[in-house]
């Protein structure tokens, strides 16, 4: 007798220890002993209090509050049940300083292997305090045992509070975005004992165009440096000069955001490649598709079998919280979406990488997406459409109900035909920078020791 399994959302019921991790994100009481209340973010009903909501091809981080979303991301990736899955360190930064928070993602992989968690300018909120207590960062041996790196213009109260939690701290202070990015680049180089030859340059004035960089730098060594539309700050020039005039400079965004004059000036310090789309959504897709065959830089995702991080462009700060999804697990580039439906350009892109099978869906490959935000950011209808576009389908166009060719399925132990193995071009980039379309997603840079998590 066949059993029909509904295709509705699977709500991942969390234990008290998980649902109790949220309180008022603005409460700055360190180490409060009161019983934490479940999260109330969401549009109502029990679903709004559920940390994770999954469908067959998507997993939702169910909070639109950046503080809570950062904690949920941390809980998802670092279970902290043993030394093997505990972070070395964390970054503490104020999300209101989005440029510093974005650039600080370069410290997620190295040296920390740990999340970025959010603080207020003058204190650590309870939701973050509880997560720090759960994580118990081990300390980074290569960074003198530091457990928490404080980034940006923070009040001394934040460091005092972190030390009261028993954390060994270090600081990267900065008064402006370009200075913060330069300081983070220098900090990484000091701990890694080498300077990455490639950099991403983004706009400090346009969050939506620059934010896609956060997922790449969360796992790879390249830092993010800042320019304005018509000016290259001295701090950025200083950082580029450390590459001895041989920097590989990847300029993220169209000339409406970063001018041709700035592109020309950057050329004094190395080779410049512009990766751009005509709007923020297409810009994020262009970055996801781009690959530089000479350096290995770029996601190069033009074939099936990948993960994506989809976030509403109406709530871009959630991308900061979700950045570690490109560091552990199914590494994912950032793609902007809309609340109730996929933008046409994203629909077209996902169709181009939709998995297709010959005889049976078990052949794979499979796509997946992280969605960050509750239904105020991405609705249930929006999640449903994304889930459908990620589903593996038959090459013949038939649905799962008619696995045409099932009689020709290979016997157990036989190797099925390779699926999605073709290569394609990486479009959407400018300056003659079409990628190889290798679809490998991650390639470590030559000369950079970046293996392992």
Protein backbone atom coordinates (compact mmCIF):
# COMPACT_ATOMS: atom_id res chain seq x y z
CA UNK A 1 0.00 0.00 0.00
CA UNK A 2 1.45 3.32 -1.02
CA UNK A 3 1.67 6.10 1.50
CA UNK A 4 1.42 9.66 0.34
CA UNK A 5 3.67 12.10 2.13
CA UNK A 6 2.53 15.71 2.01
CA UNK A 7 4.89 18.28 0.54
CA UNK A 8 4.13 20.90 3.16
CA UNK A 9 6.69 22.54 5.37
CA UNK A 10 8.42 20.42 7.98
CA UNK A 11 8.64 22.39 11.19
CA UNK A 12 11.77 21.46 13.08
CA UNK A 13 10.58 21.39 16.67
CA UNK A 14 13.27 22.79 18.94
CA UNK A 15 14.02 21.80 22.50
CA UNK A 16 13.62 24.21 25.39
CA UNK A 17 17.34 24.84 25.29
CA UNK A 18 17.04 26.07 21.72
CA UNK A 19 13.80 28.00 21.79
CA UNK A 20 14.83 29.56 25.08
CA UNK A 21 17.86 31.24 23.57
CA UNK A 22 16.01 34.42 22.71
CA UNK A 23 14.99 37.27 24.88
CA UNK A 24 14.79 40.97 24.21
CA UNK A 25 17.74 41.64 21.86
CA UNK A 26 18.11 45.15 23.27
CA UNK A 27 18.56 43.94 26.87
CA UNK A 28 22.21 44.42 27.78
CA UNK A 29 22.34 42.55 31.09
CA UNK A 30 25.45 40.38 31.05
CA UNK A 31 24.99 36.80 32.17
CA UNK A 32 21.40 37.33 33.27
CA UNK A 33 20.19 34.30 35.21
CA UNK A 34 16.50 34.74 34.47
CA UNK A 35 14.75 32.13 32.35
CA UNK A 36 14.90 33.23 28.73
CA UNK A 37 11.69 33.53 26.77
CA UNK A 38 11.09 32.03 23.30
CA UNK A 39 11.60 34.31 20.33
CA UNK A 40 8.56 36.31 19.35
CA UNK A 41 9.81 37.46 15.96
CA UNK A 42 7.43 36.63 13.16
CA UNK A 43 3.97 37.33 11.91
CA UNK A 44 2.16 35.28 14.53
CA UNK A 45 1.31 31.71 15.39
CA UNK A 46 3.58 28.99 16.68
CA UNK A 47 5.75 29.09 13.56
CA UNK A 48 7.07 32.51 14.58
CA UNK A 49 8.58 30.94 17.72
CA UNK A 50 10.24 28.06 15.88
CA UNK A 51 13.94 28.73 15.27
CA UNK A 52 14.15 26.67 12.07
CA UNK A 53 11.52 25.87 9.44
CA UNK A 54 12.51 23.50 6.65
CA UNK A 55 11.07 22.27 3.40
CA UNK A 56 12.56 19.56 1.23
CA UNK A 57 15.03 21.94 -0.42
CA UNK A 58 15.19 24.94 1.93
CA UNK A 59 15.99 25.70 5.55
CA UNK A 60 14.69 28.93 7.07
CA UNK A 61 16.48 30.75 9.88
CA UNK A 62 13.25 32.01 11.37
CA UNK A 63 14.05 35.46 12.69
CA UNK A 64 14.22 38.85 11.02
CA UNK A 65 16.09 40.36 13.95
CA UNK A 66 19.82 40.44 13.04
CA UNK A 67 20.92 39.69 16.63
CA UNK A 68 18.70 36.60 16.84
CA UNK A 69 19.49 35.51 13.27
CA UNK A 70 23.23 35.66 13.99
CA UNK A 71 22.72 33.43 17.04
CA UNK A 72 20.59 30.95 15.10
CA UNK A 73 23.22 30.80 12.38
CA UNK A 74 25.83 30.15 15.05
CA UNK A 75 23.73 27.39 16.63
CA UNK A 76 23.23 25.78 13.25
CA UNK A 77 26.92 25.64 12.36
CA UNK A 78 28.68 25.29 15.72
CA UNK A 79 26.86 22.75 17.87
CA UNK A 80 29.50 23.19 20.61
CA UNK A 81 28.92 19.72 22.00
CA UNK A 82 32.62 18.82 21.89
CA UNK A 83 35.98 20.34 21.06
CA UNK A 84 35.55 19.18 17.47
CA UNK A 85 32.55 21.43 16.81
CA UNK A 86 33.34 24.36 19.09
CA UNK A 87 34.58 27.65 17.55
CA UNK A 88 38.06 28.93 18.22
CA UNK A 89 36.88 32.51 18.56
CA UNK A 90 34.09 34.94 17.69
CA UNK A 91 33.84 38.43 16.27
CA UNK A 92 31.75 40.94 18.20
CA UNK A 93 30.56 43.93 16.17
CA UNK A 94 27.71 46.43 16.08
CA UNK A 95 25.50 45.71 13.01
CA UNK A 96 24.65 49.41 12.79
CA UNK A 97 28.25 49.83 11.58
CA UNK A 98 27.43 47.61 8.62
CA UNK A 99 30.66 48.32 6.75
CA UNK A 100 32.81 47.17 9.68
CA UNK A 101 30.53 44.19 10.29
CA UNK A 102 30.75 43.18 6.63
CA UNK A 103 34.54 43.49 6.46
CA UNK A 104 34.95 41.60 9.76
CA UNK A 105 33.56 38.46 8.10
CA UNK A 106 37.09 37.96 6.76
CA UNK A 107 37.94 36.69 10.27
CA UNK A 108 35.24 33.97 10.33
CA UNK A 109 37.37 31.27 8.70
CA UNK A 110 40.81 32.40 9.78
CA UNK A 111 41.76 32.86 12.48
CA UNK A 112 38.52 32.16 14.32
CA UNK A 113 36.58 29.33 12.72
CA UNK A 114 33.74 31.02 14.52
CA UNK A 115 30.71 33.26 13.99
CA UNK A 116 30.15 36.98 13.92
CA UNK A 117 27.80 37.88 16.78
CA UNK A 118 26.22 41.26 17.31
CA UNK A 119 26.54 43.75 20.13
CA UNK A 120 25.22 47.23 20.75
CA UNK A 121 27.63 50.15 20.87
CA UNK A 122 27.55 50.19 24.69
CA UNK A 123 26.90 46.57 25.69
CA UNK A 124 26.34 42.92 24.84
CA UNK A 125 22.64 41.99 24.63
CA UNK A 126 21.32 38.96 26.47
CA UNK A 127 20.73 36.94 23.29
CA UNK A 128 24.43 37.25 22.46
CA UNK A 129 25.54 36.65 26.05
CA UNK A 130 23.67 33.36 26.14
CA UNK A 131 25.23 32.27 22.87
CA UNK A 132 28.73 33.13 24.07
CA UNK A 133 28.12 31.01 27.17
CA UNK A 134 26.89 28.11 25.04
CA UNK A 135 29.75 28.30 22.55
CA UNK A 136 32.57 28.53 25.11
CA UNK A 137 35.11 29.52 22.39
CA UNK A 138 38.26 27.47 22.73
CA UNK A 139 40.64 30.30 21.92
CA UNK A 140 42.84 30.50 18.81
CA UNK A 141 46.34 29.18 19.39
CA UNK A 142 47.76 31.08 16.41
CA UNK A 143 46.25 34.28 17.83
CA UNK A 144 47.59 34.01 21.39
CA UNK A 145 44.46 32.27 22.65
CA UNK A 146 42.10 35.13 21.77
CA UNK A 147 38.45 34.10 22.10
CA UNK A 148 36.67 37.30 21.03
CA UNK A 149 37.75 40.02 18.58
CA UNK A 150 35.91 43.31 19.09
CA UNK A 151 35.61 45.27 15.84
CA UNK A 152 34.67 48.88 15.28
CA UNK A 153 33.81 51.90 17.37
CA UNK A 154 32.60 50.20 20.57
CA UNK A 155 32.31 51.56 24.09
CA UNK A 156 34.82 50.12 26.62
CA UNK A 157 31.79 48.63 28.40
CA UNK A 158 31.59 45.97 25.67
CA UNK A 159 35.11 44.72 26.31
CA UNK A 160 34.57 44.84 30.07
CA UNK A 161 31.43 42.77 29.71
CA UNK A 162 33.19 40.24 27.45
CA UNK A 163 35.99 39.85 29.98
CA UNK A 164 33.45 39.33 32.76
CA UNK A 165 32.23 36.36 30.71
CA UNK A 166 35.74 34.93 30.96
CA UNK A 167 36.74 35.70 27.37
CA UNK A 168 40.23 36.70 26.28
CA UNK A 169 39.70 39.66 23.96
CA UNK A 170 41.45 41.64 21.28
CA UNK A 171 40.30 44.82 19.54
CA UNK A 172 40.27 46.25 16.03
CA UNK A 173 39.10 49.83 16.56
CA UNK A 174 38.27 52.12 13.64
CA UNK A 175 36.58 55.45 13.10
CA UNK A 176 35.42 55.00 9.50
CA UNK A 177 34.64 52.17 7.06
CA UNK A 178 37.87 52.37 5.05
CA UNK A 179 39.96 52.40 8.24
CA UNK A 180 38.06 49.40 9.60
CA UNK A 181 38.62 47.41 6.40
CA UNK A 182 42.32 48.30 6.32
CA UNK A 183 42.75 47.30 9.97
CA UNK A 184 40.95 43.97 9.47
CA UNK A 185 43.13 43.24 6.42
CA UNK A 186 46.26 43.96 8.46
CA UNK A 187 45.02 41.84 11.38
CA UNK A 188 44.36 38.86 9.11
CA UNK A 189 47.80 39.20 7.50
CA UNK A 190 49.51 39.41 10.91
CA UNK A 191 47.87 36.25 12.24
CA UNK A 192 48.12 34.32 8.94
CA UNK A 193 51.69 35.54 8.43
CA UNK A 194 50.98 36.26 4.78
CA UNK A 195 49.11 38.90 2.78
CA UNK A 196 46.45 37.64 0.35
CA UNK A 197 47.36 38.80 -3.16
CA UNK A 198 43.73 39.42 -4.15
CA UNK A 199 41.18 41.83 -2.69
CA UNK A 200 37.54 42.73 -3.21
CA UNK A 201 36.78 46.44 -3.45
CA UNK A 202 33.22 47.53 -2.74
CA UNK A 203 31.22 50.66 -2.15
CA UNK A 204 31.00 51.96 1.42
CA UNK A 205 27.89 53.86 0.33
CA UNK A 206 25.82 51.08 -1.27
CA UNK A 207 25.03 48.20 1.05
CA UNK A 208 22.98 46.21 -1.47
CA UNK A 209 25.74 46.14 -4.08
CA UNK A 210 28.60 45.40 -1.68
CA UNK A 211 26.95 42.87 0.64
CA UNK A 212 27.40 39.81 -1.66
CA UNK A 213 31.11 39.99 -0.83
CA UNK A 214 30.36 38.89 2.74
CA UNK A 215 29.79 35.23 1.86
CA UNK A 216 33.01 34.92 -0.12
CA UNK A 217 35.30 36.54 2.46
CA UNK A 218 33.72 34.44 5.22
CA UNK A 219 35.61 31.41 3.95
CA UNK A 220 38.30 32.68 1.60
CA UNK A 221 41.36 34.82 2.40
CA UNK A 222 40.57 37.86 0.25
CA UNK A 223 39.64 40.94 2.31
CA UNK A 224 37.08 43.60 1.49
CA UNK A 225 38.31 47.18 1.04
CA UNK A 226 36.16 50.26 0.52
CA UNK A 227 35.81 53.13 -1.91
CA UNK A 228 33.12 55.73 -2.46
CA UNK A 229 31.62 56.36 -5.86
CA UNK A 230 34.24 58.92 -6.88
CA UNK A 231 37.07 58.56 -4.38
CA UNK A 232 39.62 56.01 -3.17
CA UNK A 233 40.28 56.64 0.55
CA UNK A 234 43.89 56.81 1.70
CA UNK A 235 43.34 53.80 3.97
CA UNK A 236 42.40 51.70 0.94
CA UNK A 237 45.43 52.94 -0.98
CA UNK A 238 47.65 51.98 1.96
CA UNK A 239 46.19 48.48 2.08
CA UNK A 240 46.64 48.01 -1.67
CA UNK A 241 50.26 49.17 -1.50
CA UNK A 242 51.08 46.20 0.74
CA UNK A 243 50.58 44.05 -2.39
CA UNK A 244 53.52 45.73 -4.12
CA UNK A 245 51.59 46.91 -7.17
CA UNK A 246 50.57 43.36 -8.06
CA UNK A 247 47.16 43.12 -6.41
CA UNK A 248 44.31 41.27 -8.08
CA UNK A 249 41.49 43.76 -7.49
CA UNK A 250 37.91 42.57 -7.96
CA UNK A 251 35.62 45.59 -8.13
CA UNK A 252 32.07 44.70 -7.09
CA UNK A 253 29.30 46.80 -8.61
CA UNK A 254 28.48 48.81 -11.75
CA UNK A 255 29.91 52.22 -12.62
CA UNK A 256 26.74 53.84 -11.32
CA UNK A 257 27.96 52.80 -7.86
CA UNK A 258 31.75 52.91 -8.35
CA UNK A 259 32.84 55.27 -11.11
CA UNK A 260 35.14 54.52 -14.02
CA UNK A 261 37.53 57.12 -12.59
CA UNK A 262 37.88 55.12 -9.38
CA UNK A 263 38.40 51.94 -11.40
CA UNK A 264 41.20 53.66 -13.30
CA UNK A 265 42.84 54.90 -10.09
CA UNK A 266 42.73 51.43 -8.57
CA UNK A 267 44.61 50.18 -11.63
CA UNK A 268 47.72 51.90 -10.30
CA UNK A 269 47.97 49.18 -7.66
CA UNK A 270 47.31 46.05 -9.70
CA UNK A 271 44.95 44.40 -12.16
CA UNK A 272 41.32 45.46 -11.86
CA UNK A 273 38.35 43.29 -12.84
CA UNK A 274 34.82 44.65 -12.46
CA UNK A 275 32.05 42.19 -11.54
CA UNK A 276 28.71 43.89 -12.01
CA UNK A 277 24.99 43.62 -12.60
CA UNK A 278 22.62 46.40 -13.54
CA UNK A 279 20.77 46.20 -10.20
CA UNK A 280 21.57 44.70 -6.78
CA UNK A 281 19.84 41.40 -7.58
CA UNK A 282 21.66 40.90 -10.88
CA UNK A 283 24.87 42.04 -9.21
CA UNK A 284 24.58 39.24 -6.66
CA UNK A 285 23.96 36.72 -9.45
CA UNK A 286 26.96 38.01 -11.43
CA UNK A 287 29.18 37.45 -8.39
CA UNK A 288 27.79 33.95 -7.81
CA UNK A 289 28.58 33.03 -11.43
CA UNK A 290 31.99 34.66 -11.72
CA UNK A 291 35.24 32.68 -11.72
CA UNK A 292 38.75 33.88 -12.51
CA UNK A 293 40.60 30.91 -13.97
CA UNK A 294 43.97 32.57 -13.41
CA UNK A 295 43.62 33.04 -9.65
CA UNK A 296 40.80 30.70 -8.67
CA UNK A 297 38.81 33.63 -7.28
CA UNK A 298 35.03 33.42 -7.44
CA UNK A 299 32.17 30.99 -6.90
CA UNK A 300 31.79 29.98 -10.54
CA UNK A 301 28.38 28.42 -9.91
CA UNK A 302 26.87 27.72 -13.30
CA UNK A 303 25.99 24.03 -12.90
CA UNK A 304 23.62 22.09 -10.59
CA UNK A 305 24.55 20.68 -7.22
CA UNK A 306 25.02 23.75 -5.04
CA UNK A 307 23.71 25.62 -2.05
CA UNK A 308 22.54 29.24 -1.98
CA UNK A 309 21.83 31.80 0.71
CA UNK A 310 18.71 33.76 -0.25
CA UNK A 311 17.85 36.92 1.65
CA UNK A 312 15.28 39.62 1.01
CA UNK A 313 16.90 42.75 -0.36
CA UNK A 314 14.49 44.67 1.87
CA UNK A 315 16.35 43.40 4.96
CA UNK A 316 20.01 43.33 3.87
CA UNK A 317 21.44 43.32 7.40
CA UNK A 318 20.35 39.69 7.68
CA UNK A 319 23.11 38.89 5.18
CA UNK A 320 25.64 39.82 7.85
CA UNK A 321 24.06 37.33 10.25
CA UNK A 322 23.96 34.58 7.62
CA UNK A 323 27.54 35.05 6.36
CA UNK A 324 28.93 31.91 8.08
CA UNK A 325 26.76 29.72 5.83
CA UNK A 326 29.56 30.04 3.29
CA UNK A 327 32.14 28.79 5.79
CA UNK A 328 30.78 25.48 7.09
CA UNK A 329 28.39 22.91 5.72
CA UNK A 330 27.03 23.50 2.23
CA UNK A 331 28.97 26.64 1.28
CA UNK A 332 26.66 29.21 -0.26
CA UNK A 333 26.85 32.51 -2.17
CA UNK A 334 24.42 35.30 -1.33
CA UNK A 335 21.54 35.89 -3.74
CA UNK A 336 18.98 38.64 -3.15
CA UNK A 337 15.30 37.80 -3.41
CA UNK A 338 11.93 39.43 -2.72
CA UNK A 339 9.42 38.77 0.03
CA UNK A 340 6.71 36.97 -1.93
CA UNK A 341 8.40 35.78 -5.11
CA UNK A 342 11.69 35.30 -6.85
CA UNK A 343 12.85 38.20 -9.01
CA UNK A 344 12.82 37.28 -12.69
CA UNK A 345 16.62 37.32 -12.89
CA UNK A 346 16.92 34.91 -9.94
CA UNK A 347 14.25 32.66 -11.43
CA UNK A 348 16.22 32.51 -14.67
CA UNK A 349 19.46 31.79 -12.83
CA UNK A 350 17.98 29.00 -10.71
CA UNK A 351 16.42 27.46 -13.80
CA UNK A 352 19.86 27.39 -15.41
CA UNK A 353 21.29 25.38 -12.51
CA UNK A 354 18.24 23.25 -11.73
CA UNK A 355 19.27 19.60 -11.22
CA UNK A 356 17.99 17.09 -13.80
CA UNK A 357 18.11 13.31 -13.60
CA UNK A 358 18.18 10.67 -16.33
CA UNK A 359 16.35 7.73 -14.76
CA UNK A 360 15.84 8.38 -11.07
CA UNK A 361 16.05 11.38 -8.71
CA UNK A 362 18.44 9.41 -6.50
CA UNK A 363 21.16 10.16 -9.06
CA UNK A 364 21.39 13.76 -7.89
CA UNK A 365 22.96 16.26 -7.75
CA UNK A 366 20.78 18.34 -5.45
CA UNK A 367 20.39 22.05 -4.75
CA UNK A 368 19.52 23.62 -1.40
CA UNK A 369 19.01 27.13 -0.01
CA UNK A 370 19.30 28.79 3.35
CA UNK A 371 16.62 31.47 3.85
CA UNK A 372 17.29 33.96 6.62
CA UNK A 373 14.35 35.88 8.04
CA UNK A 374 10.84 35.11 9.22
CA UNK A 375 7.75 35.58 7.07
CA UNK A 376 8.03 39.33 7.33
CA UNK A 377 11.19 39.03 5.21
CA UNK A 378 10.40 36.00 3.02
CA UNK A 379 6.81 34.80 3.03
CA UNK A 380 5.67 31.17 3.04
CA UNK A 381 4.70 31.64 -0.61
CA UNK A 382 8.18 32.96 -1.33
CA UNK A 383 9.78 29.99 0.41
CA UNK A 384 7.52 27.61 -1.51
CA UNK A 385 8.53 29.07 -4.86
CA UNK A 386 12.22 28.85 -3.97
CA UNK A 387 11.75 25.23 -2.87
CA UNK A 388 10.12 24.35 -6.18
CA UNK A 389 12.87 25.98 -8.23
CA UNK A 390 15.54 23.99 -6.40
CA UNK A 391 13.81 20.62 -6.90
CA UNK A 392 15.51 17.99 -9.03
CA UNK A 393 13.45 17.22 -12.16
CA UNK A 394 13.53 14.71 -14.98
CA UNK A 395 15.45 15.59 -18.11
CA UNK A 396 12.40 14.43 -20.05
CA UNK A 397 10.19 16.95 -18.29
CA UNK A 398 8.18 14.36 -16.38
CA UNK A 399 7.41 14.76 -12.71
CA UNK A 400 8.26 12.47 -9.80
CA UNK A 401 5.00 10.60 -10.29
CA UNK A 402 6.19 9.06 -13.54
CA UNK A 403 9.89 8.28 -13.10
CA UNK A 404 10.02 7.40 -16.78
CA UNK A 405 12.80 4.93 -17.37
CA UNK A 406 12.63 3.46 -13.87
CA UNK A 407 12.91 0.00 -15.37
CA UNK A 408 16.32 1.04 -16.59
CA UNK A 409 17.59 2.05 -13.17
CA UNK A 410 21.07 0.69 -12.39
CA UNK A 411 21.31 -2.18 -9.96
CA UNK A 412 22.55 -1.48 -6.44
CA UNK A 413 26.25 -0.82 -6.53
CA UNK A 414 26.29 0.24 -10.19
CA UNK A 415 27.41 3.75 -10.97
CA UNK A 416 24.62 5.98 -12.29
CA UNK A 417 25.27 8.41 -15.11
CA UNK A 418 26.87 11.68 -14.02
CA UNK A 419 24.36 14.47 -13.66
CA UNK A 420 24.96 18.16 -14.14
CA UNK A 421 28.56 17.68 -15.19
CA UNK A 422 28.62 20.19 -18.00
CA UNK A 423 30.33 23.54 -17.86
CA UNK A 424 29.00 26.89 -18.84
CA UNK A 425 30.08 30.47 -19.15
CA UNK A 426 29.92 32.94 -16.33
CA UNK A 427 27.90 35.84 -17.65
CA UNK A 428 26.95 39.10 -16.05
CA UNK A 429 30.51 40.37 -15.57
CA UNK A 430 32.20 43.23 -17.34
CA UNK A 431 35.69 44.20 -18.47
CA UNK A 432 36.02 40.95 -20.40
CA UNK A 433 35.91 38.87 -17.24
CA UNK A 434 33.65 35.97 -18.14
CA UNK A 435 34.38 33.13 -15.77
CA UNK A 436 35.20 29.58 -16.63
CA UNK A 437 31.90 28.31 -15.30
CA UNK A 438 33.67 25.45 -13.63
CA UNK A 439 30.96 25.20 -10.98
CA UNK A 440 33.52 24.18 -8.38
CA UNK A 441 32.37 26.90 -6.04
CA UNK A 442 35.46 27.00 -3.84
CA UNK A 443 39.05 27.13 -4.93
CA UNK A 444 41.83 28.16 -2.59
CA UNK A 445 44.14 30.88 -3.81
CA UNK A 446 47.62 30.02 -5.05
CA UNK A 447 50.15 30.56 -2.32
CA UNK A 448 47.52 30.75 0.41
CA UNK A 449 47.29 28.03 3.02
CA UNK A 450 43.53 27.90 3.43
CA UNK A 451 42.62 24.23 3.74
CA UNK A 452 40.36 22.89 6.45
CA UNK A 453 37.87 24.68 8.64
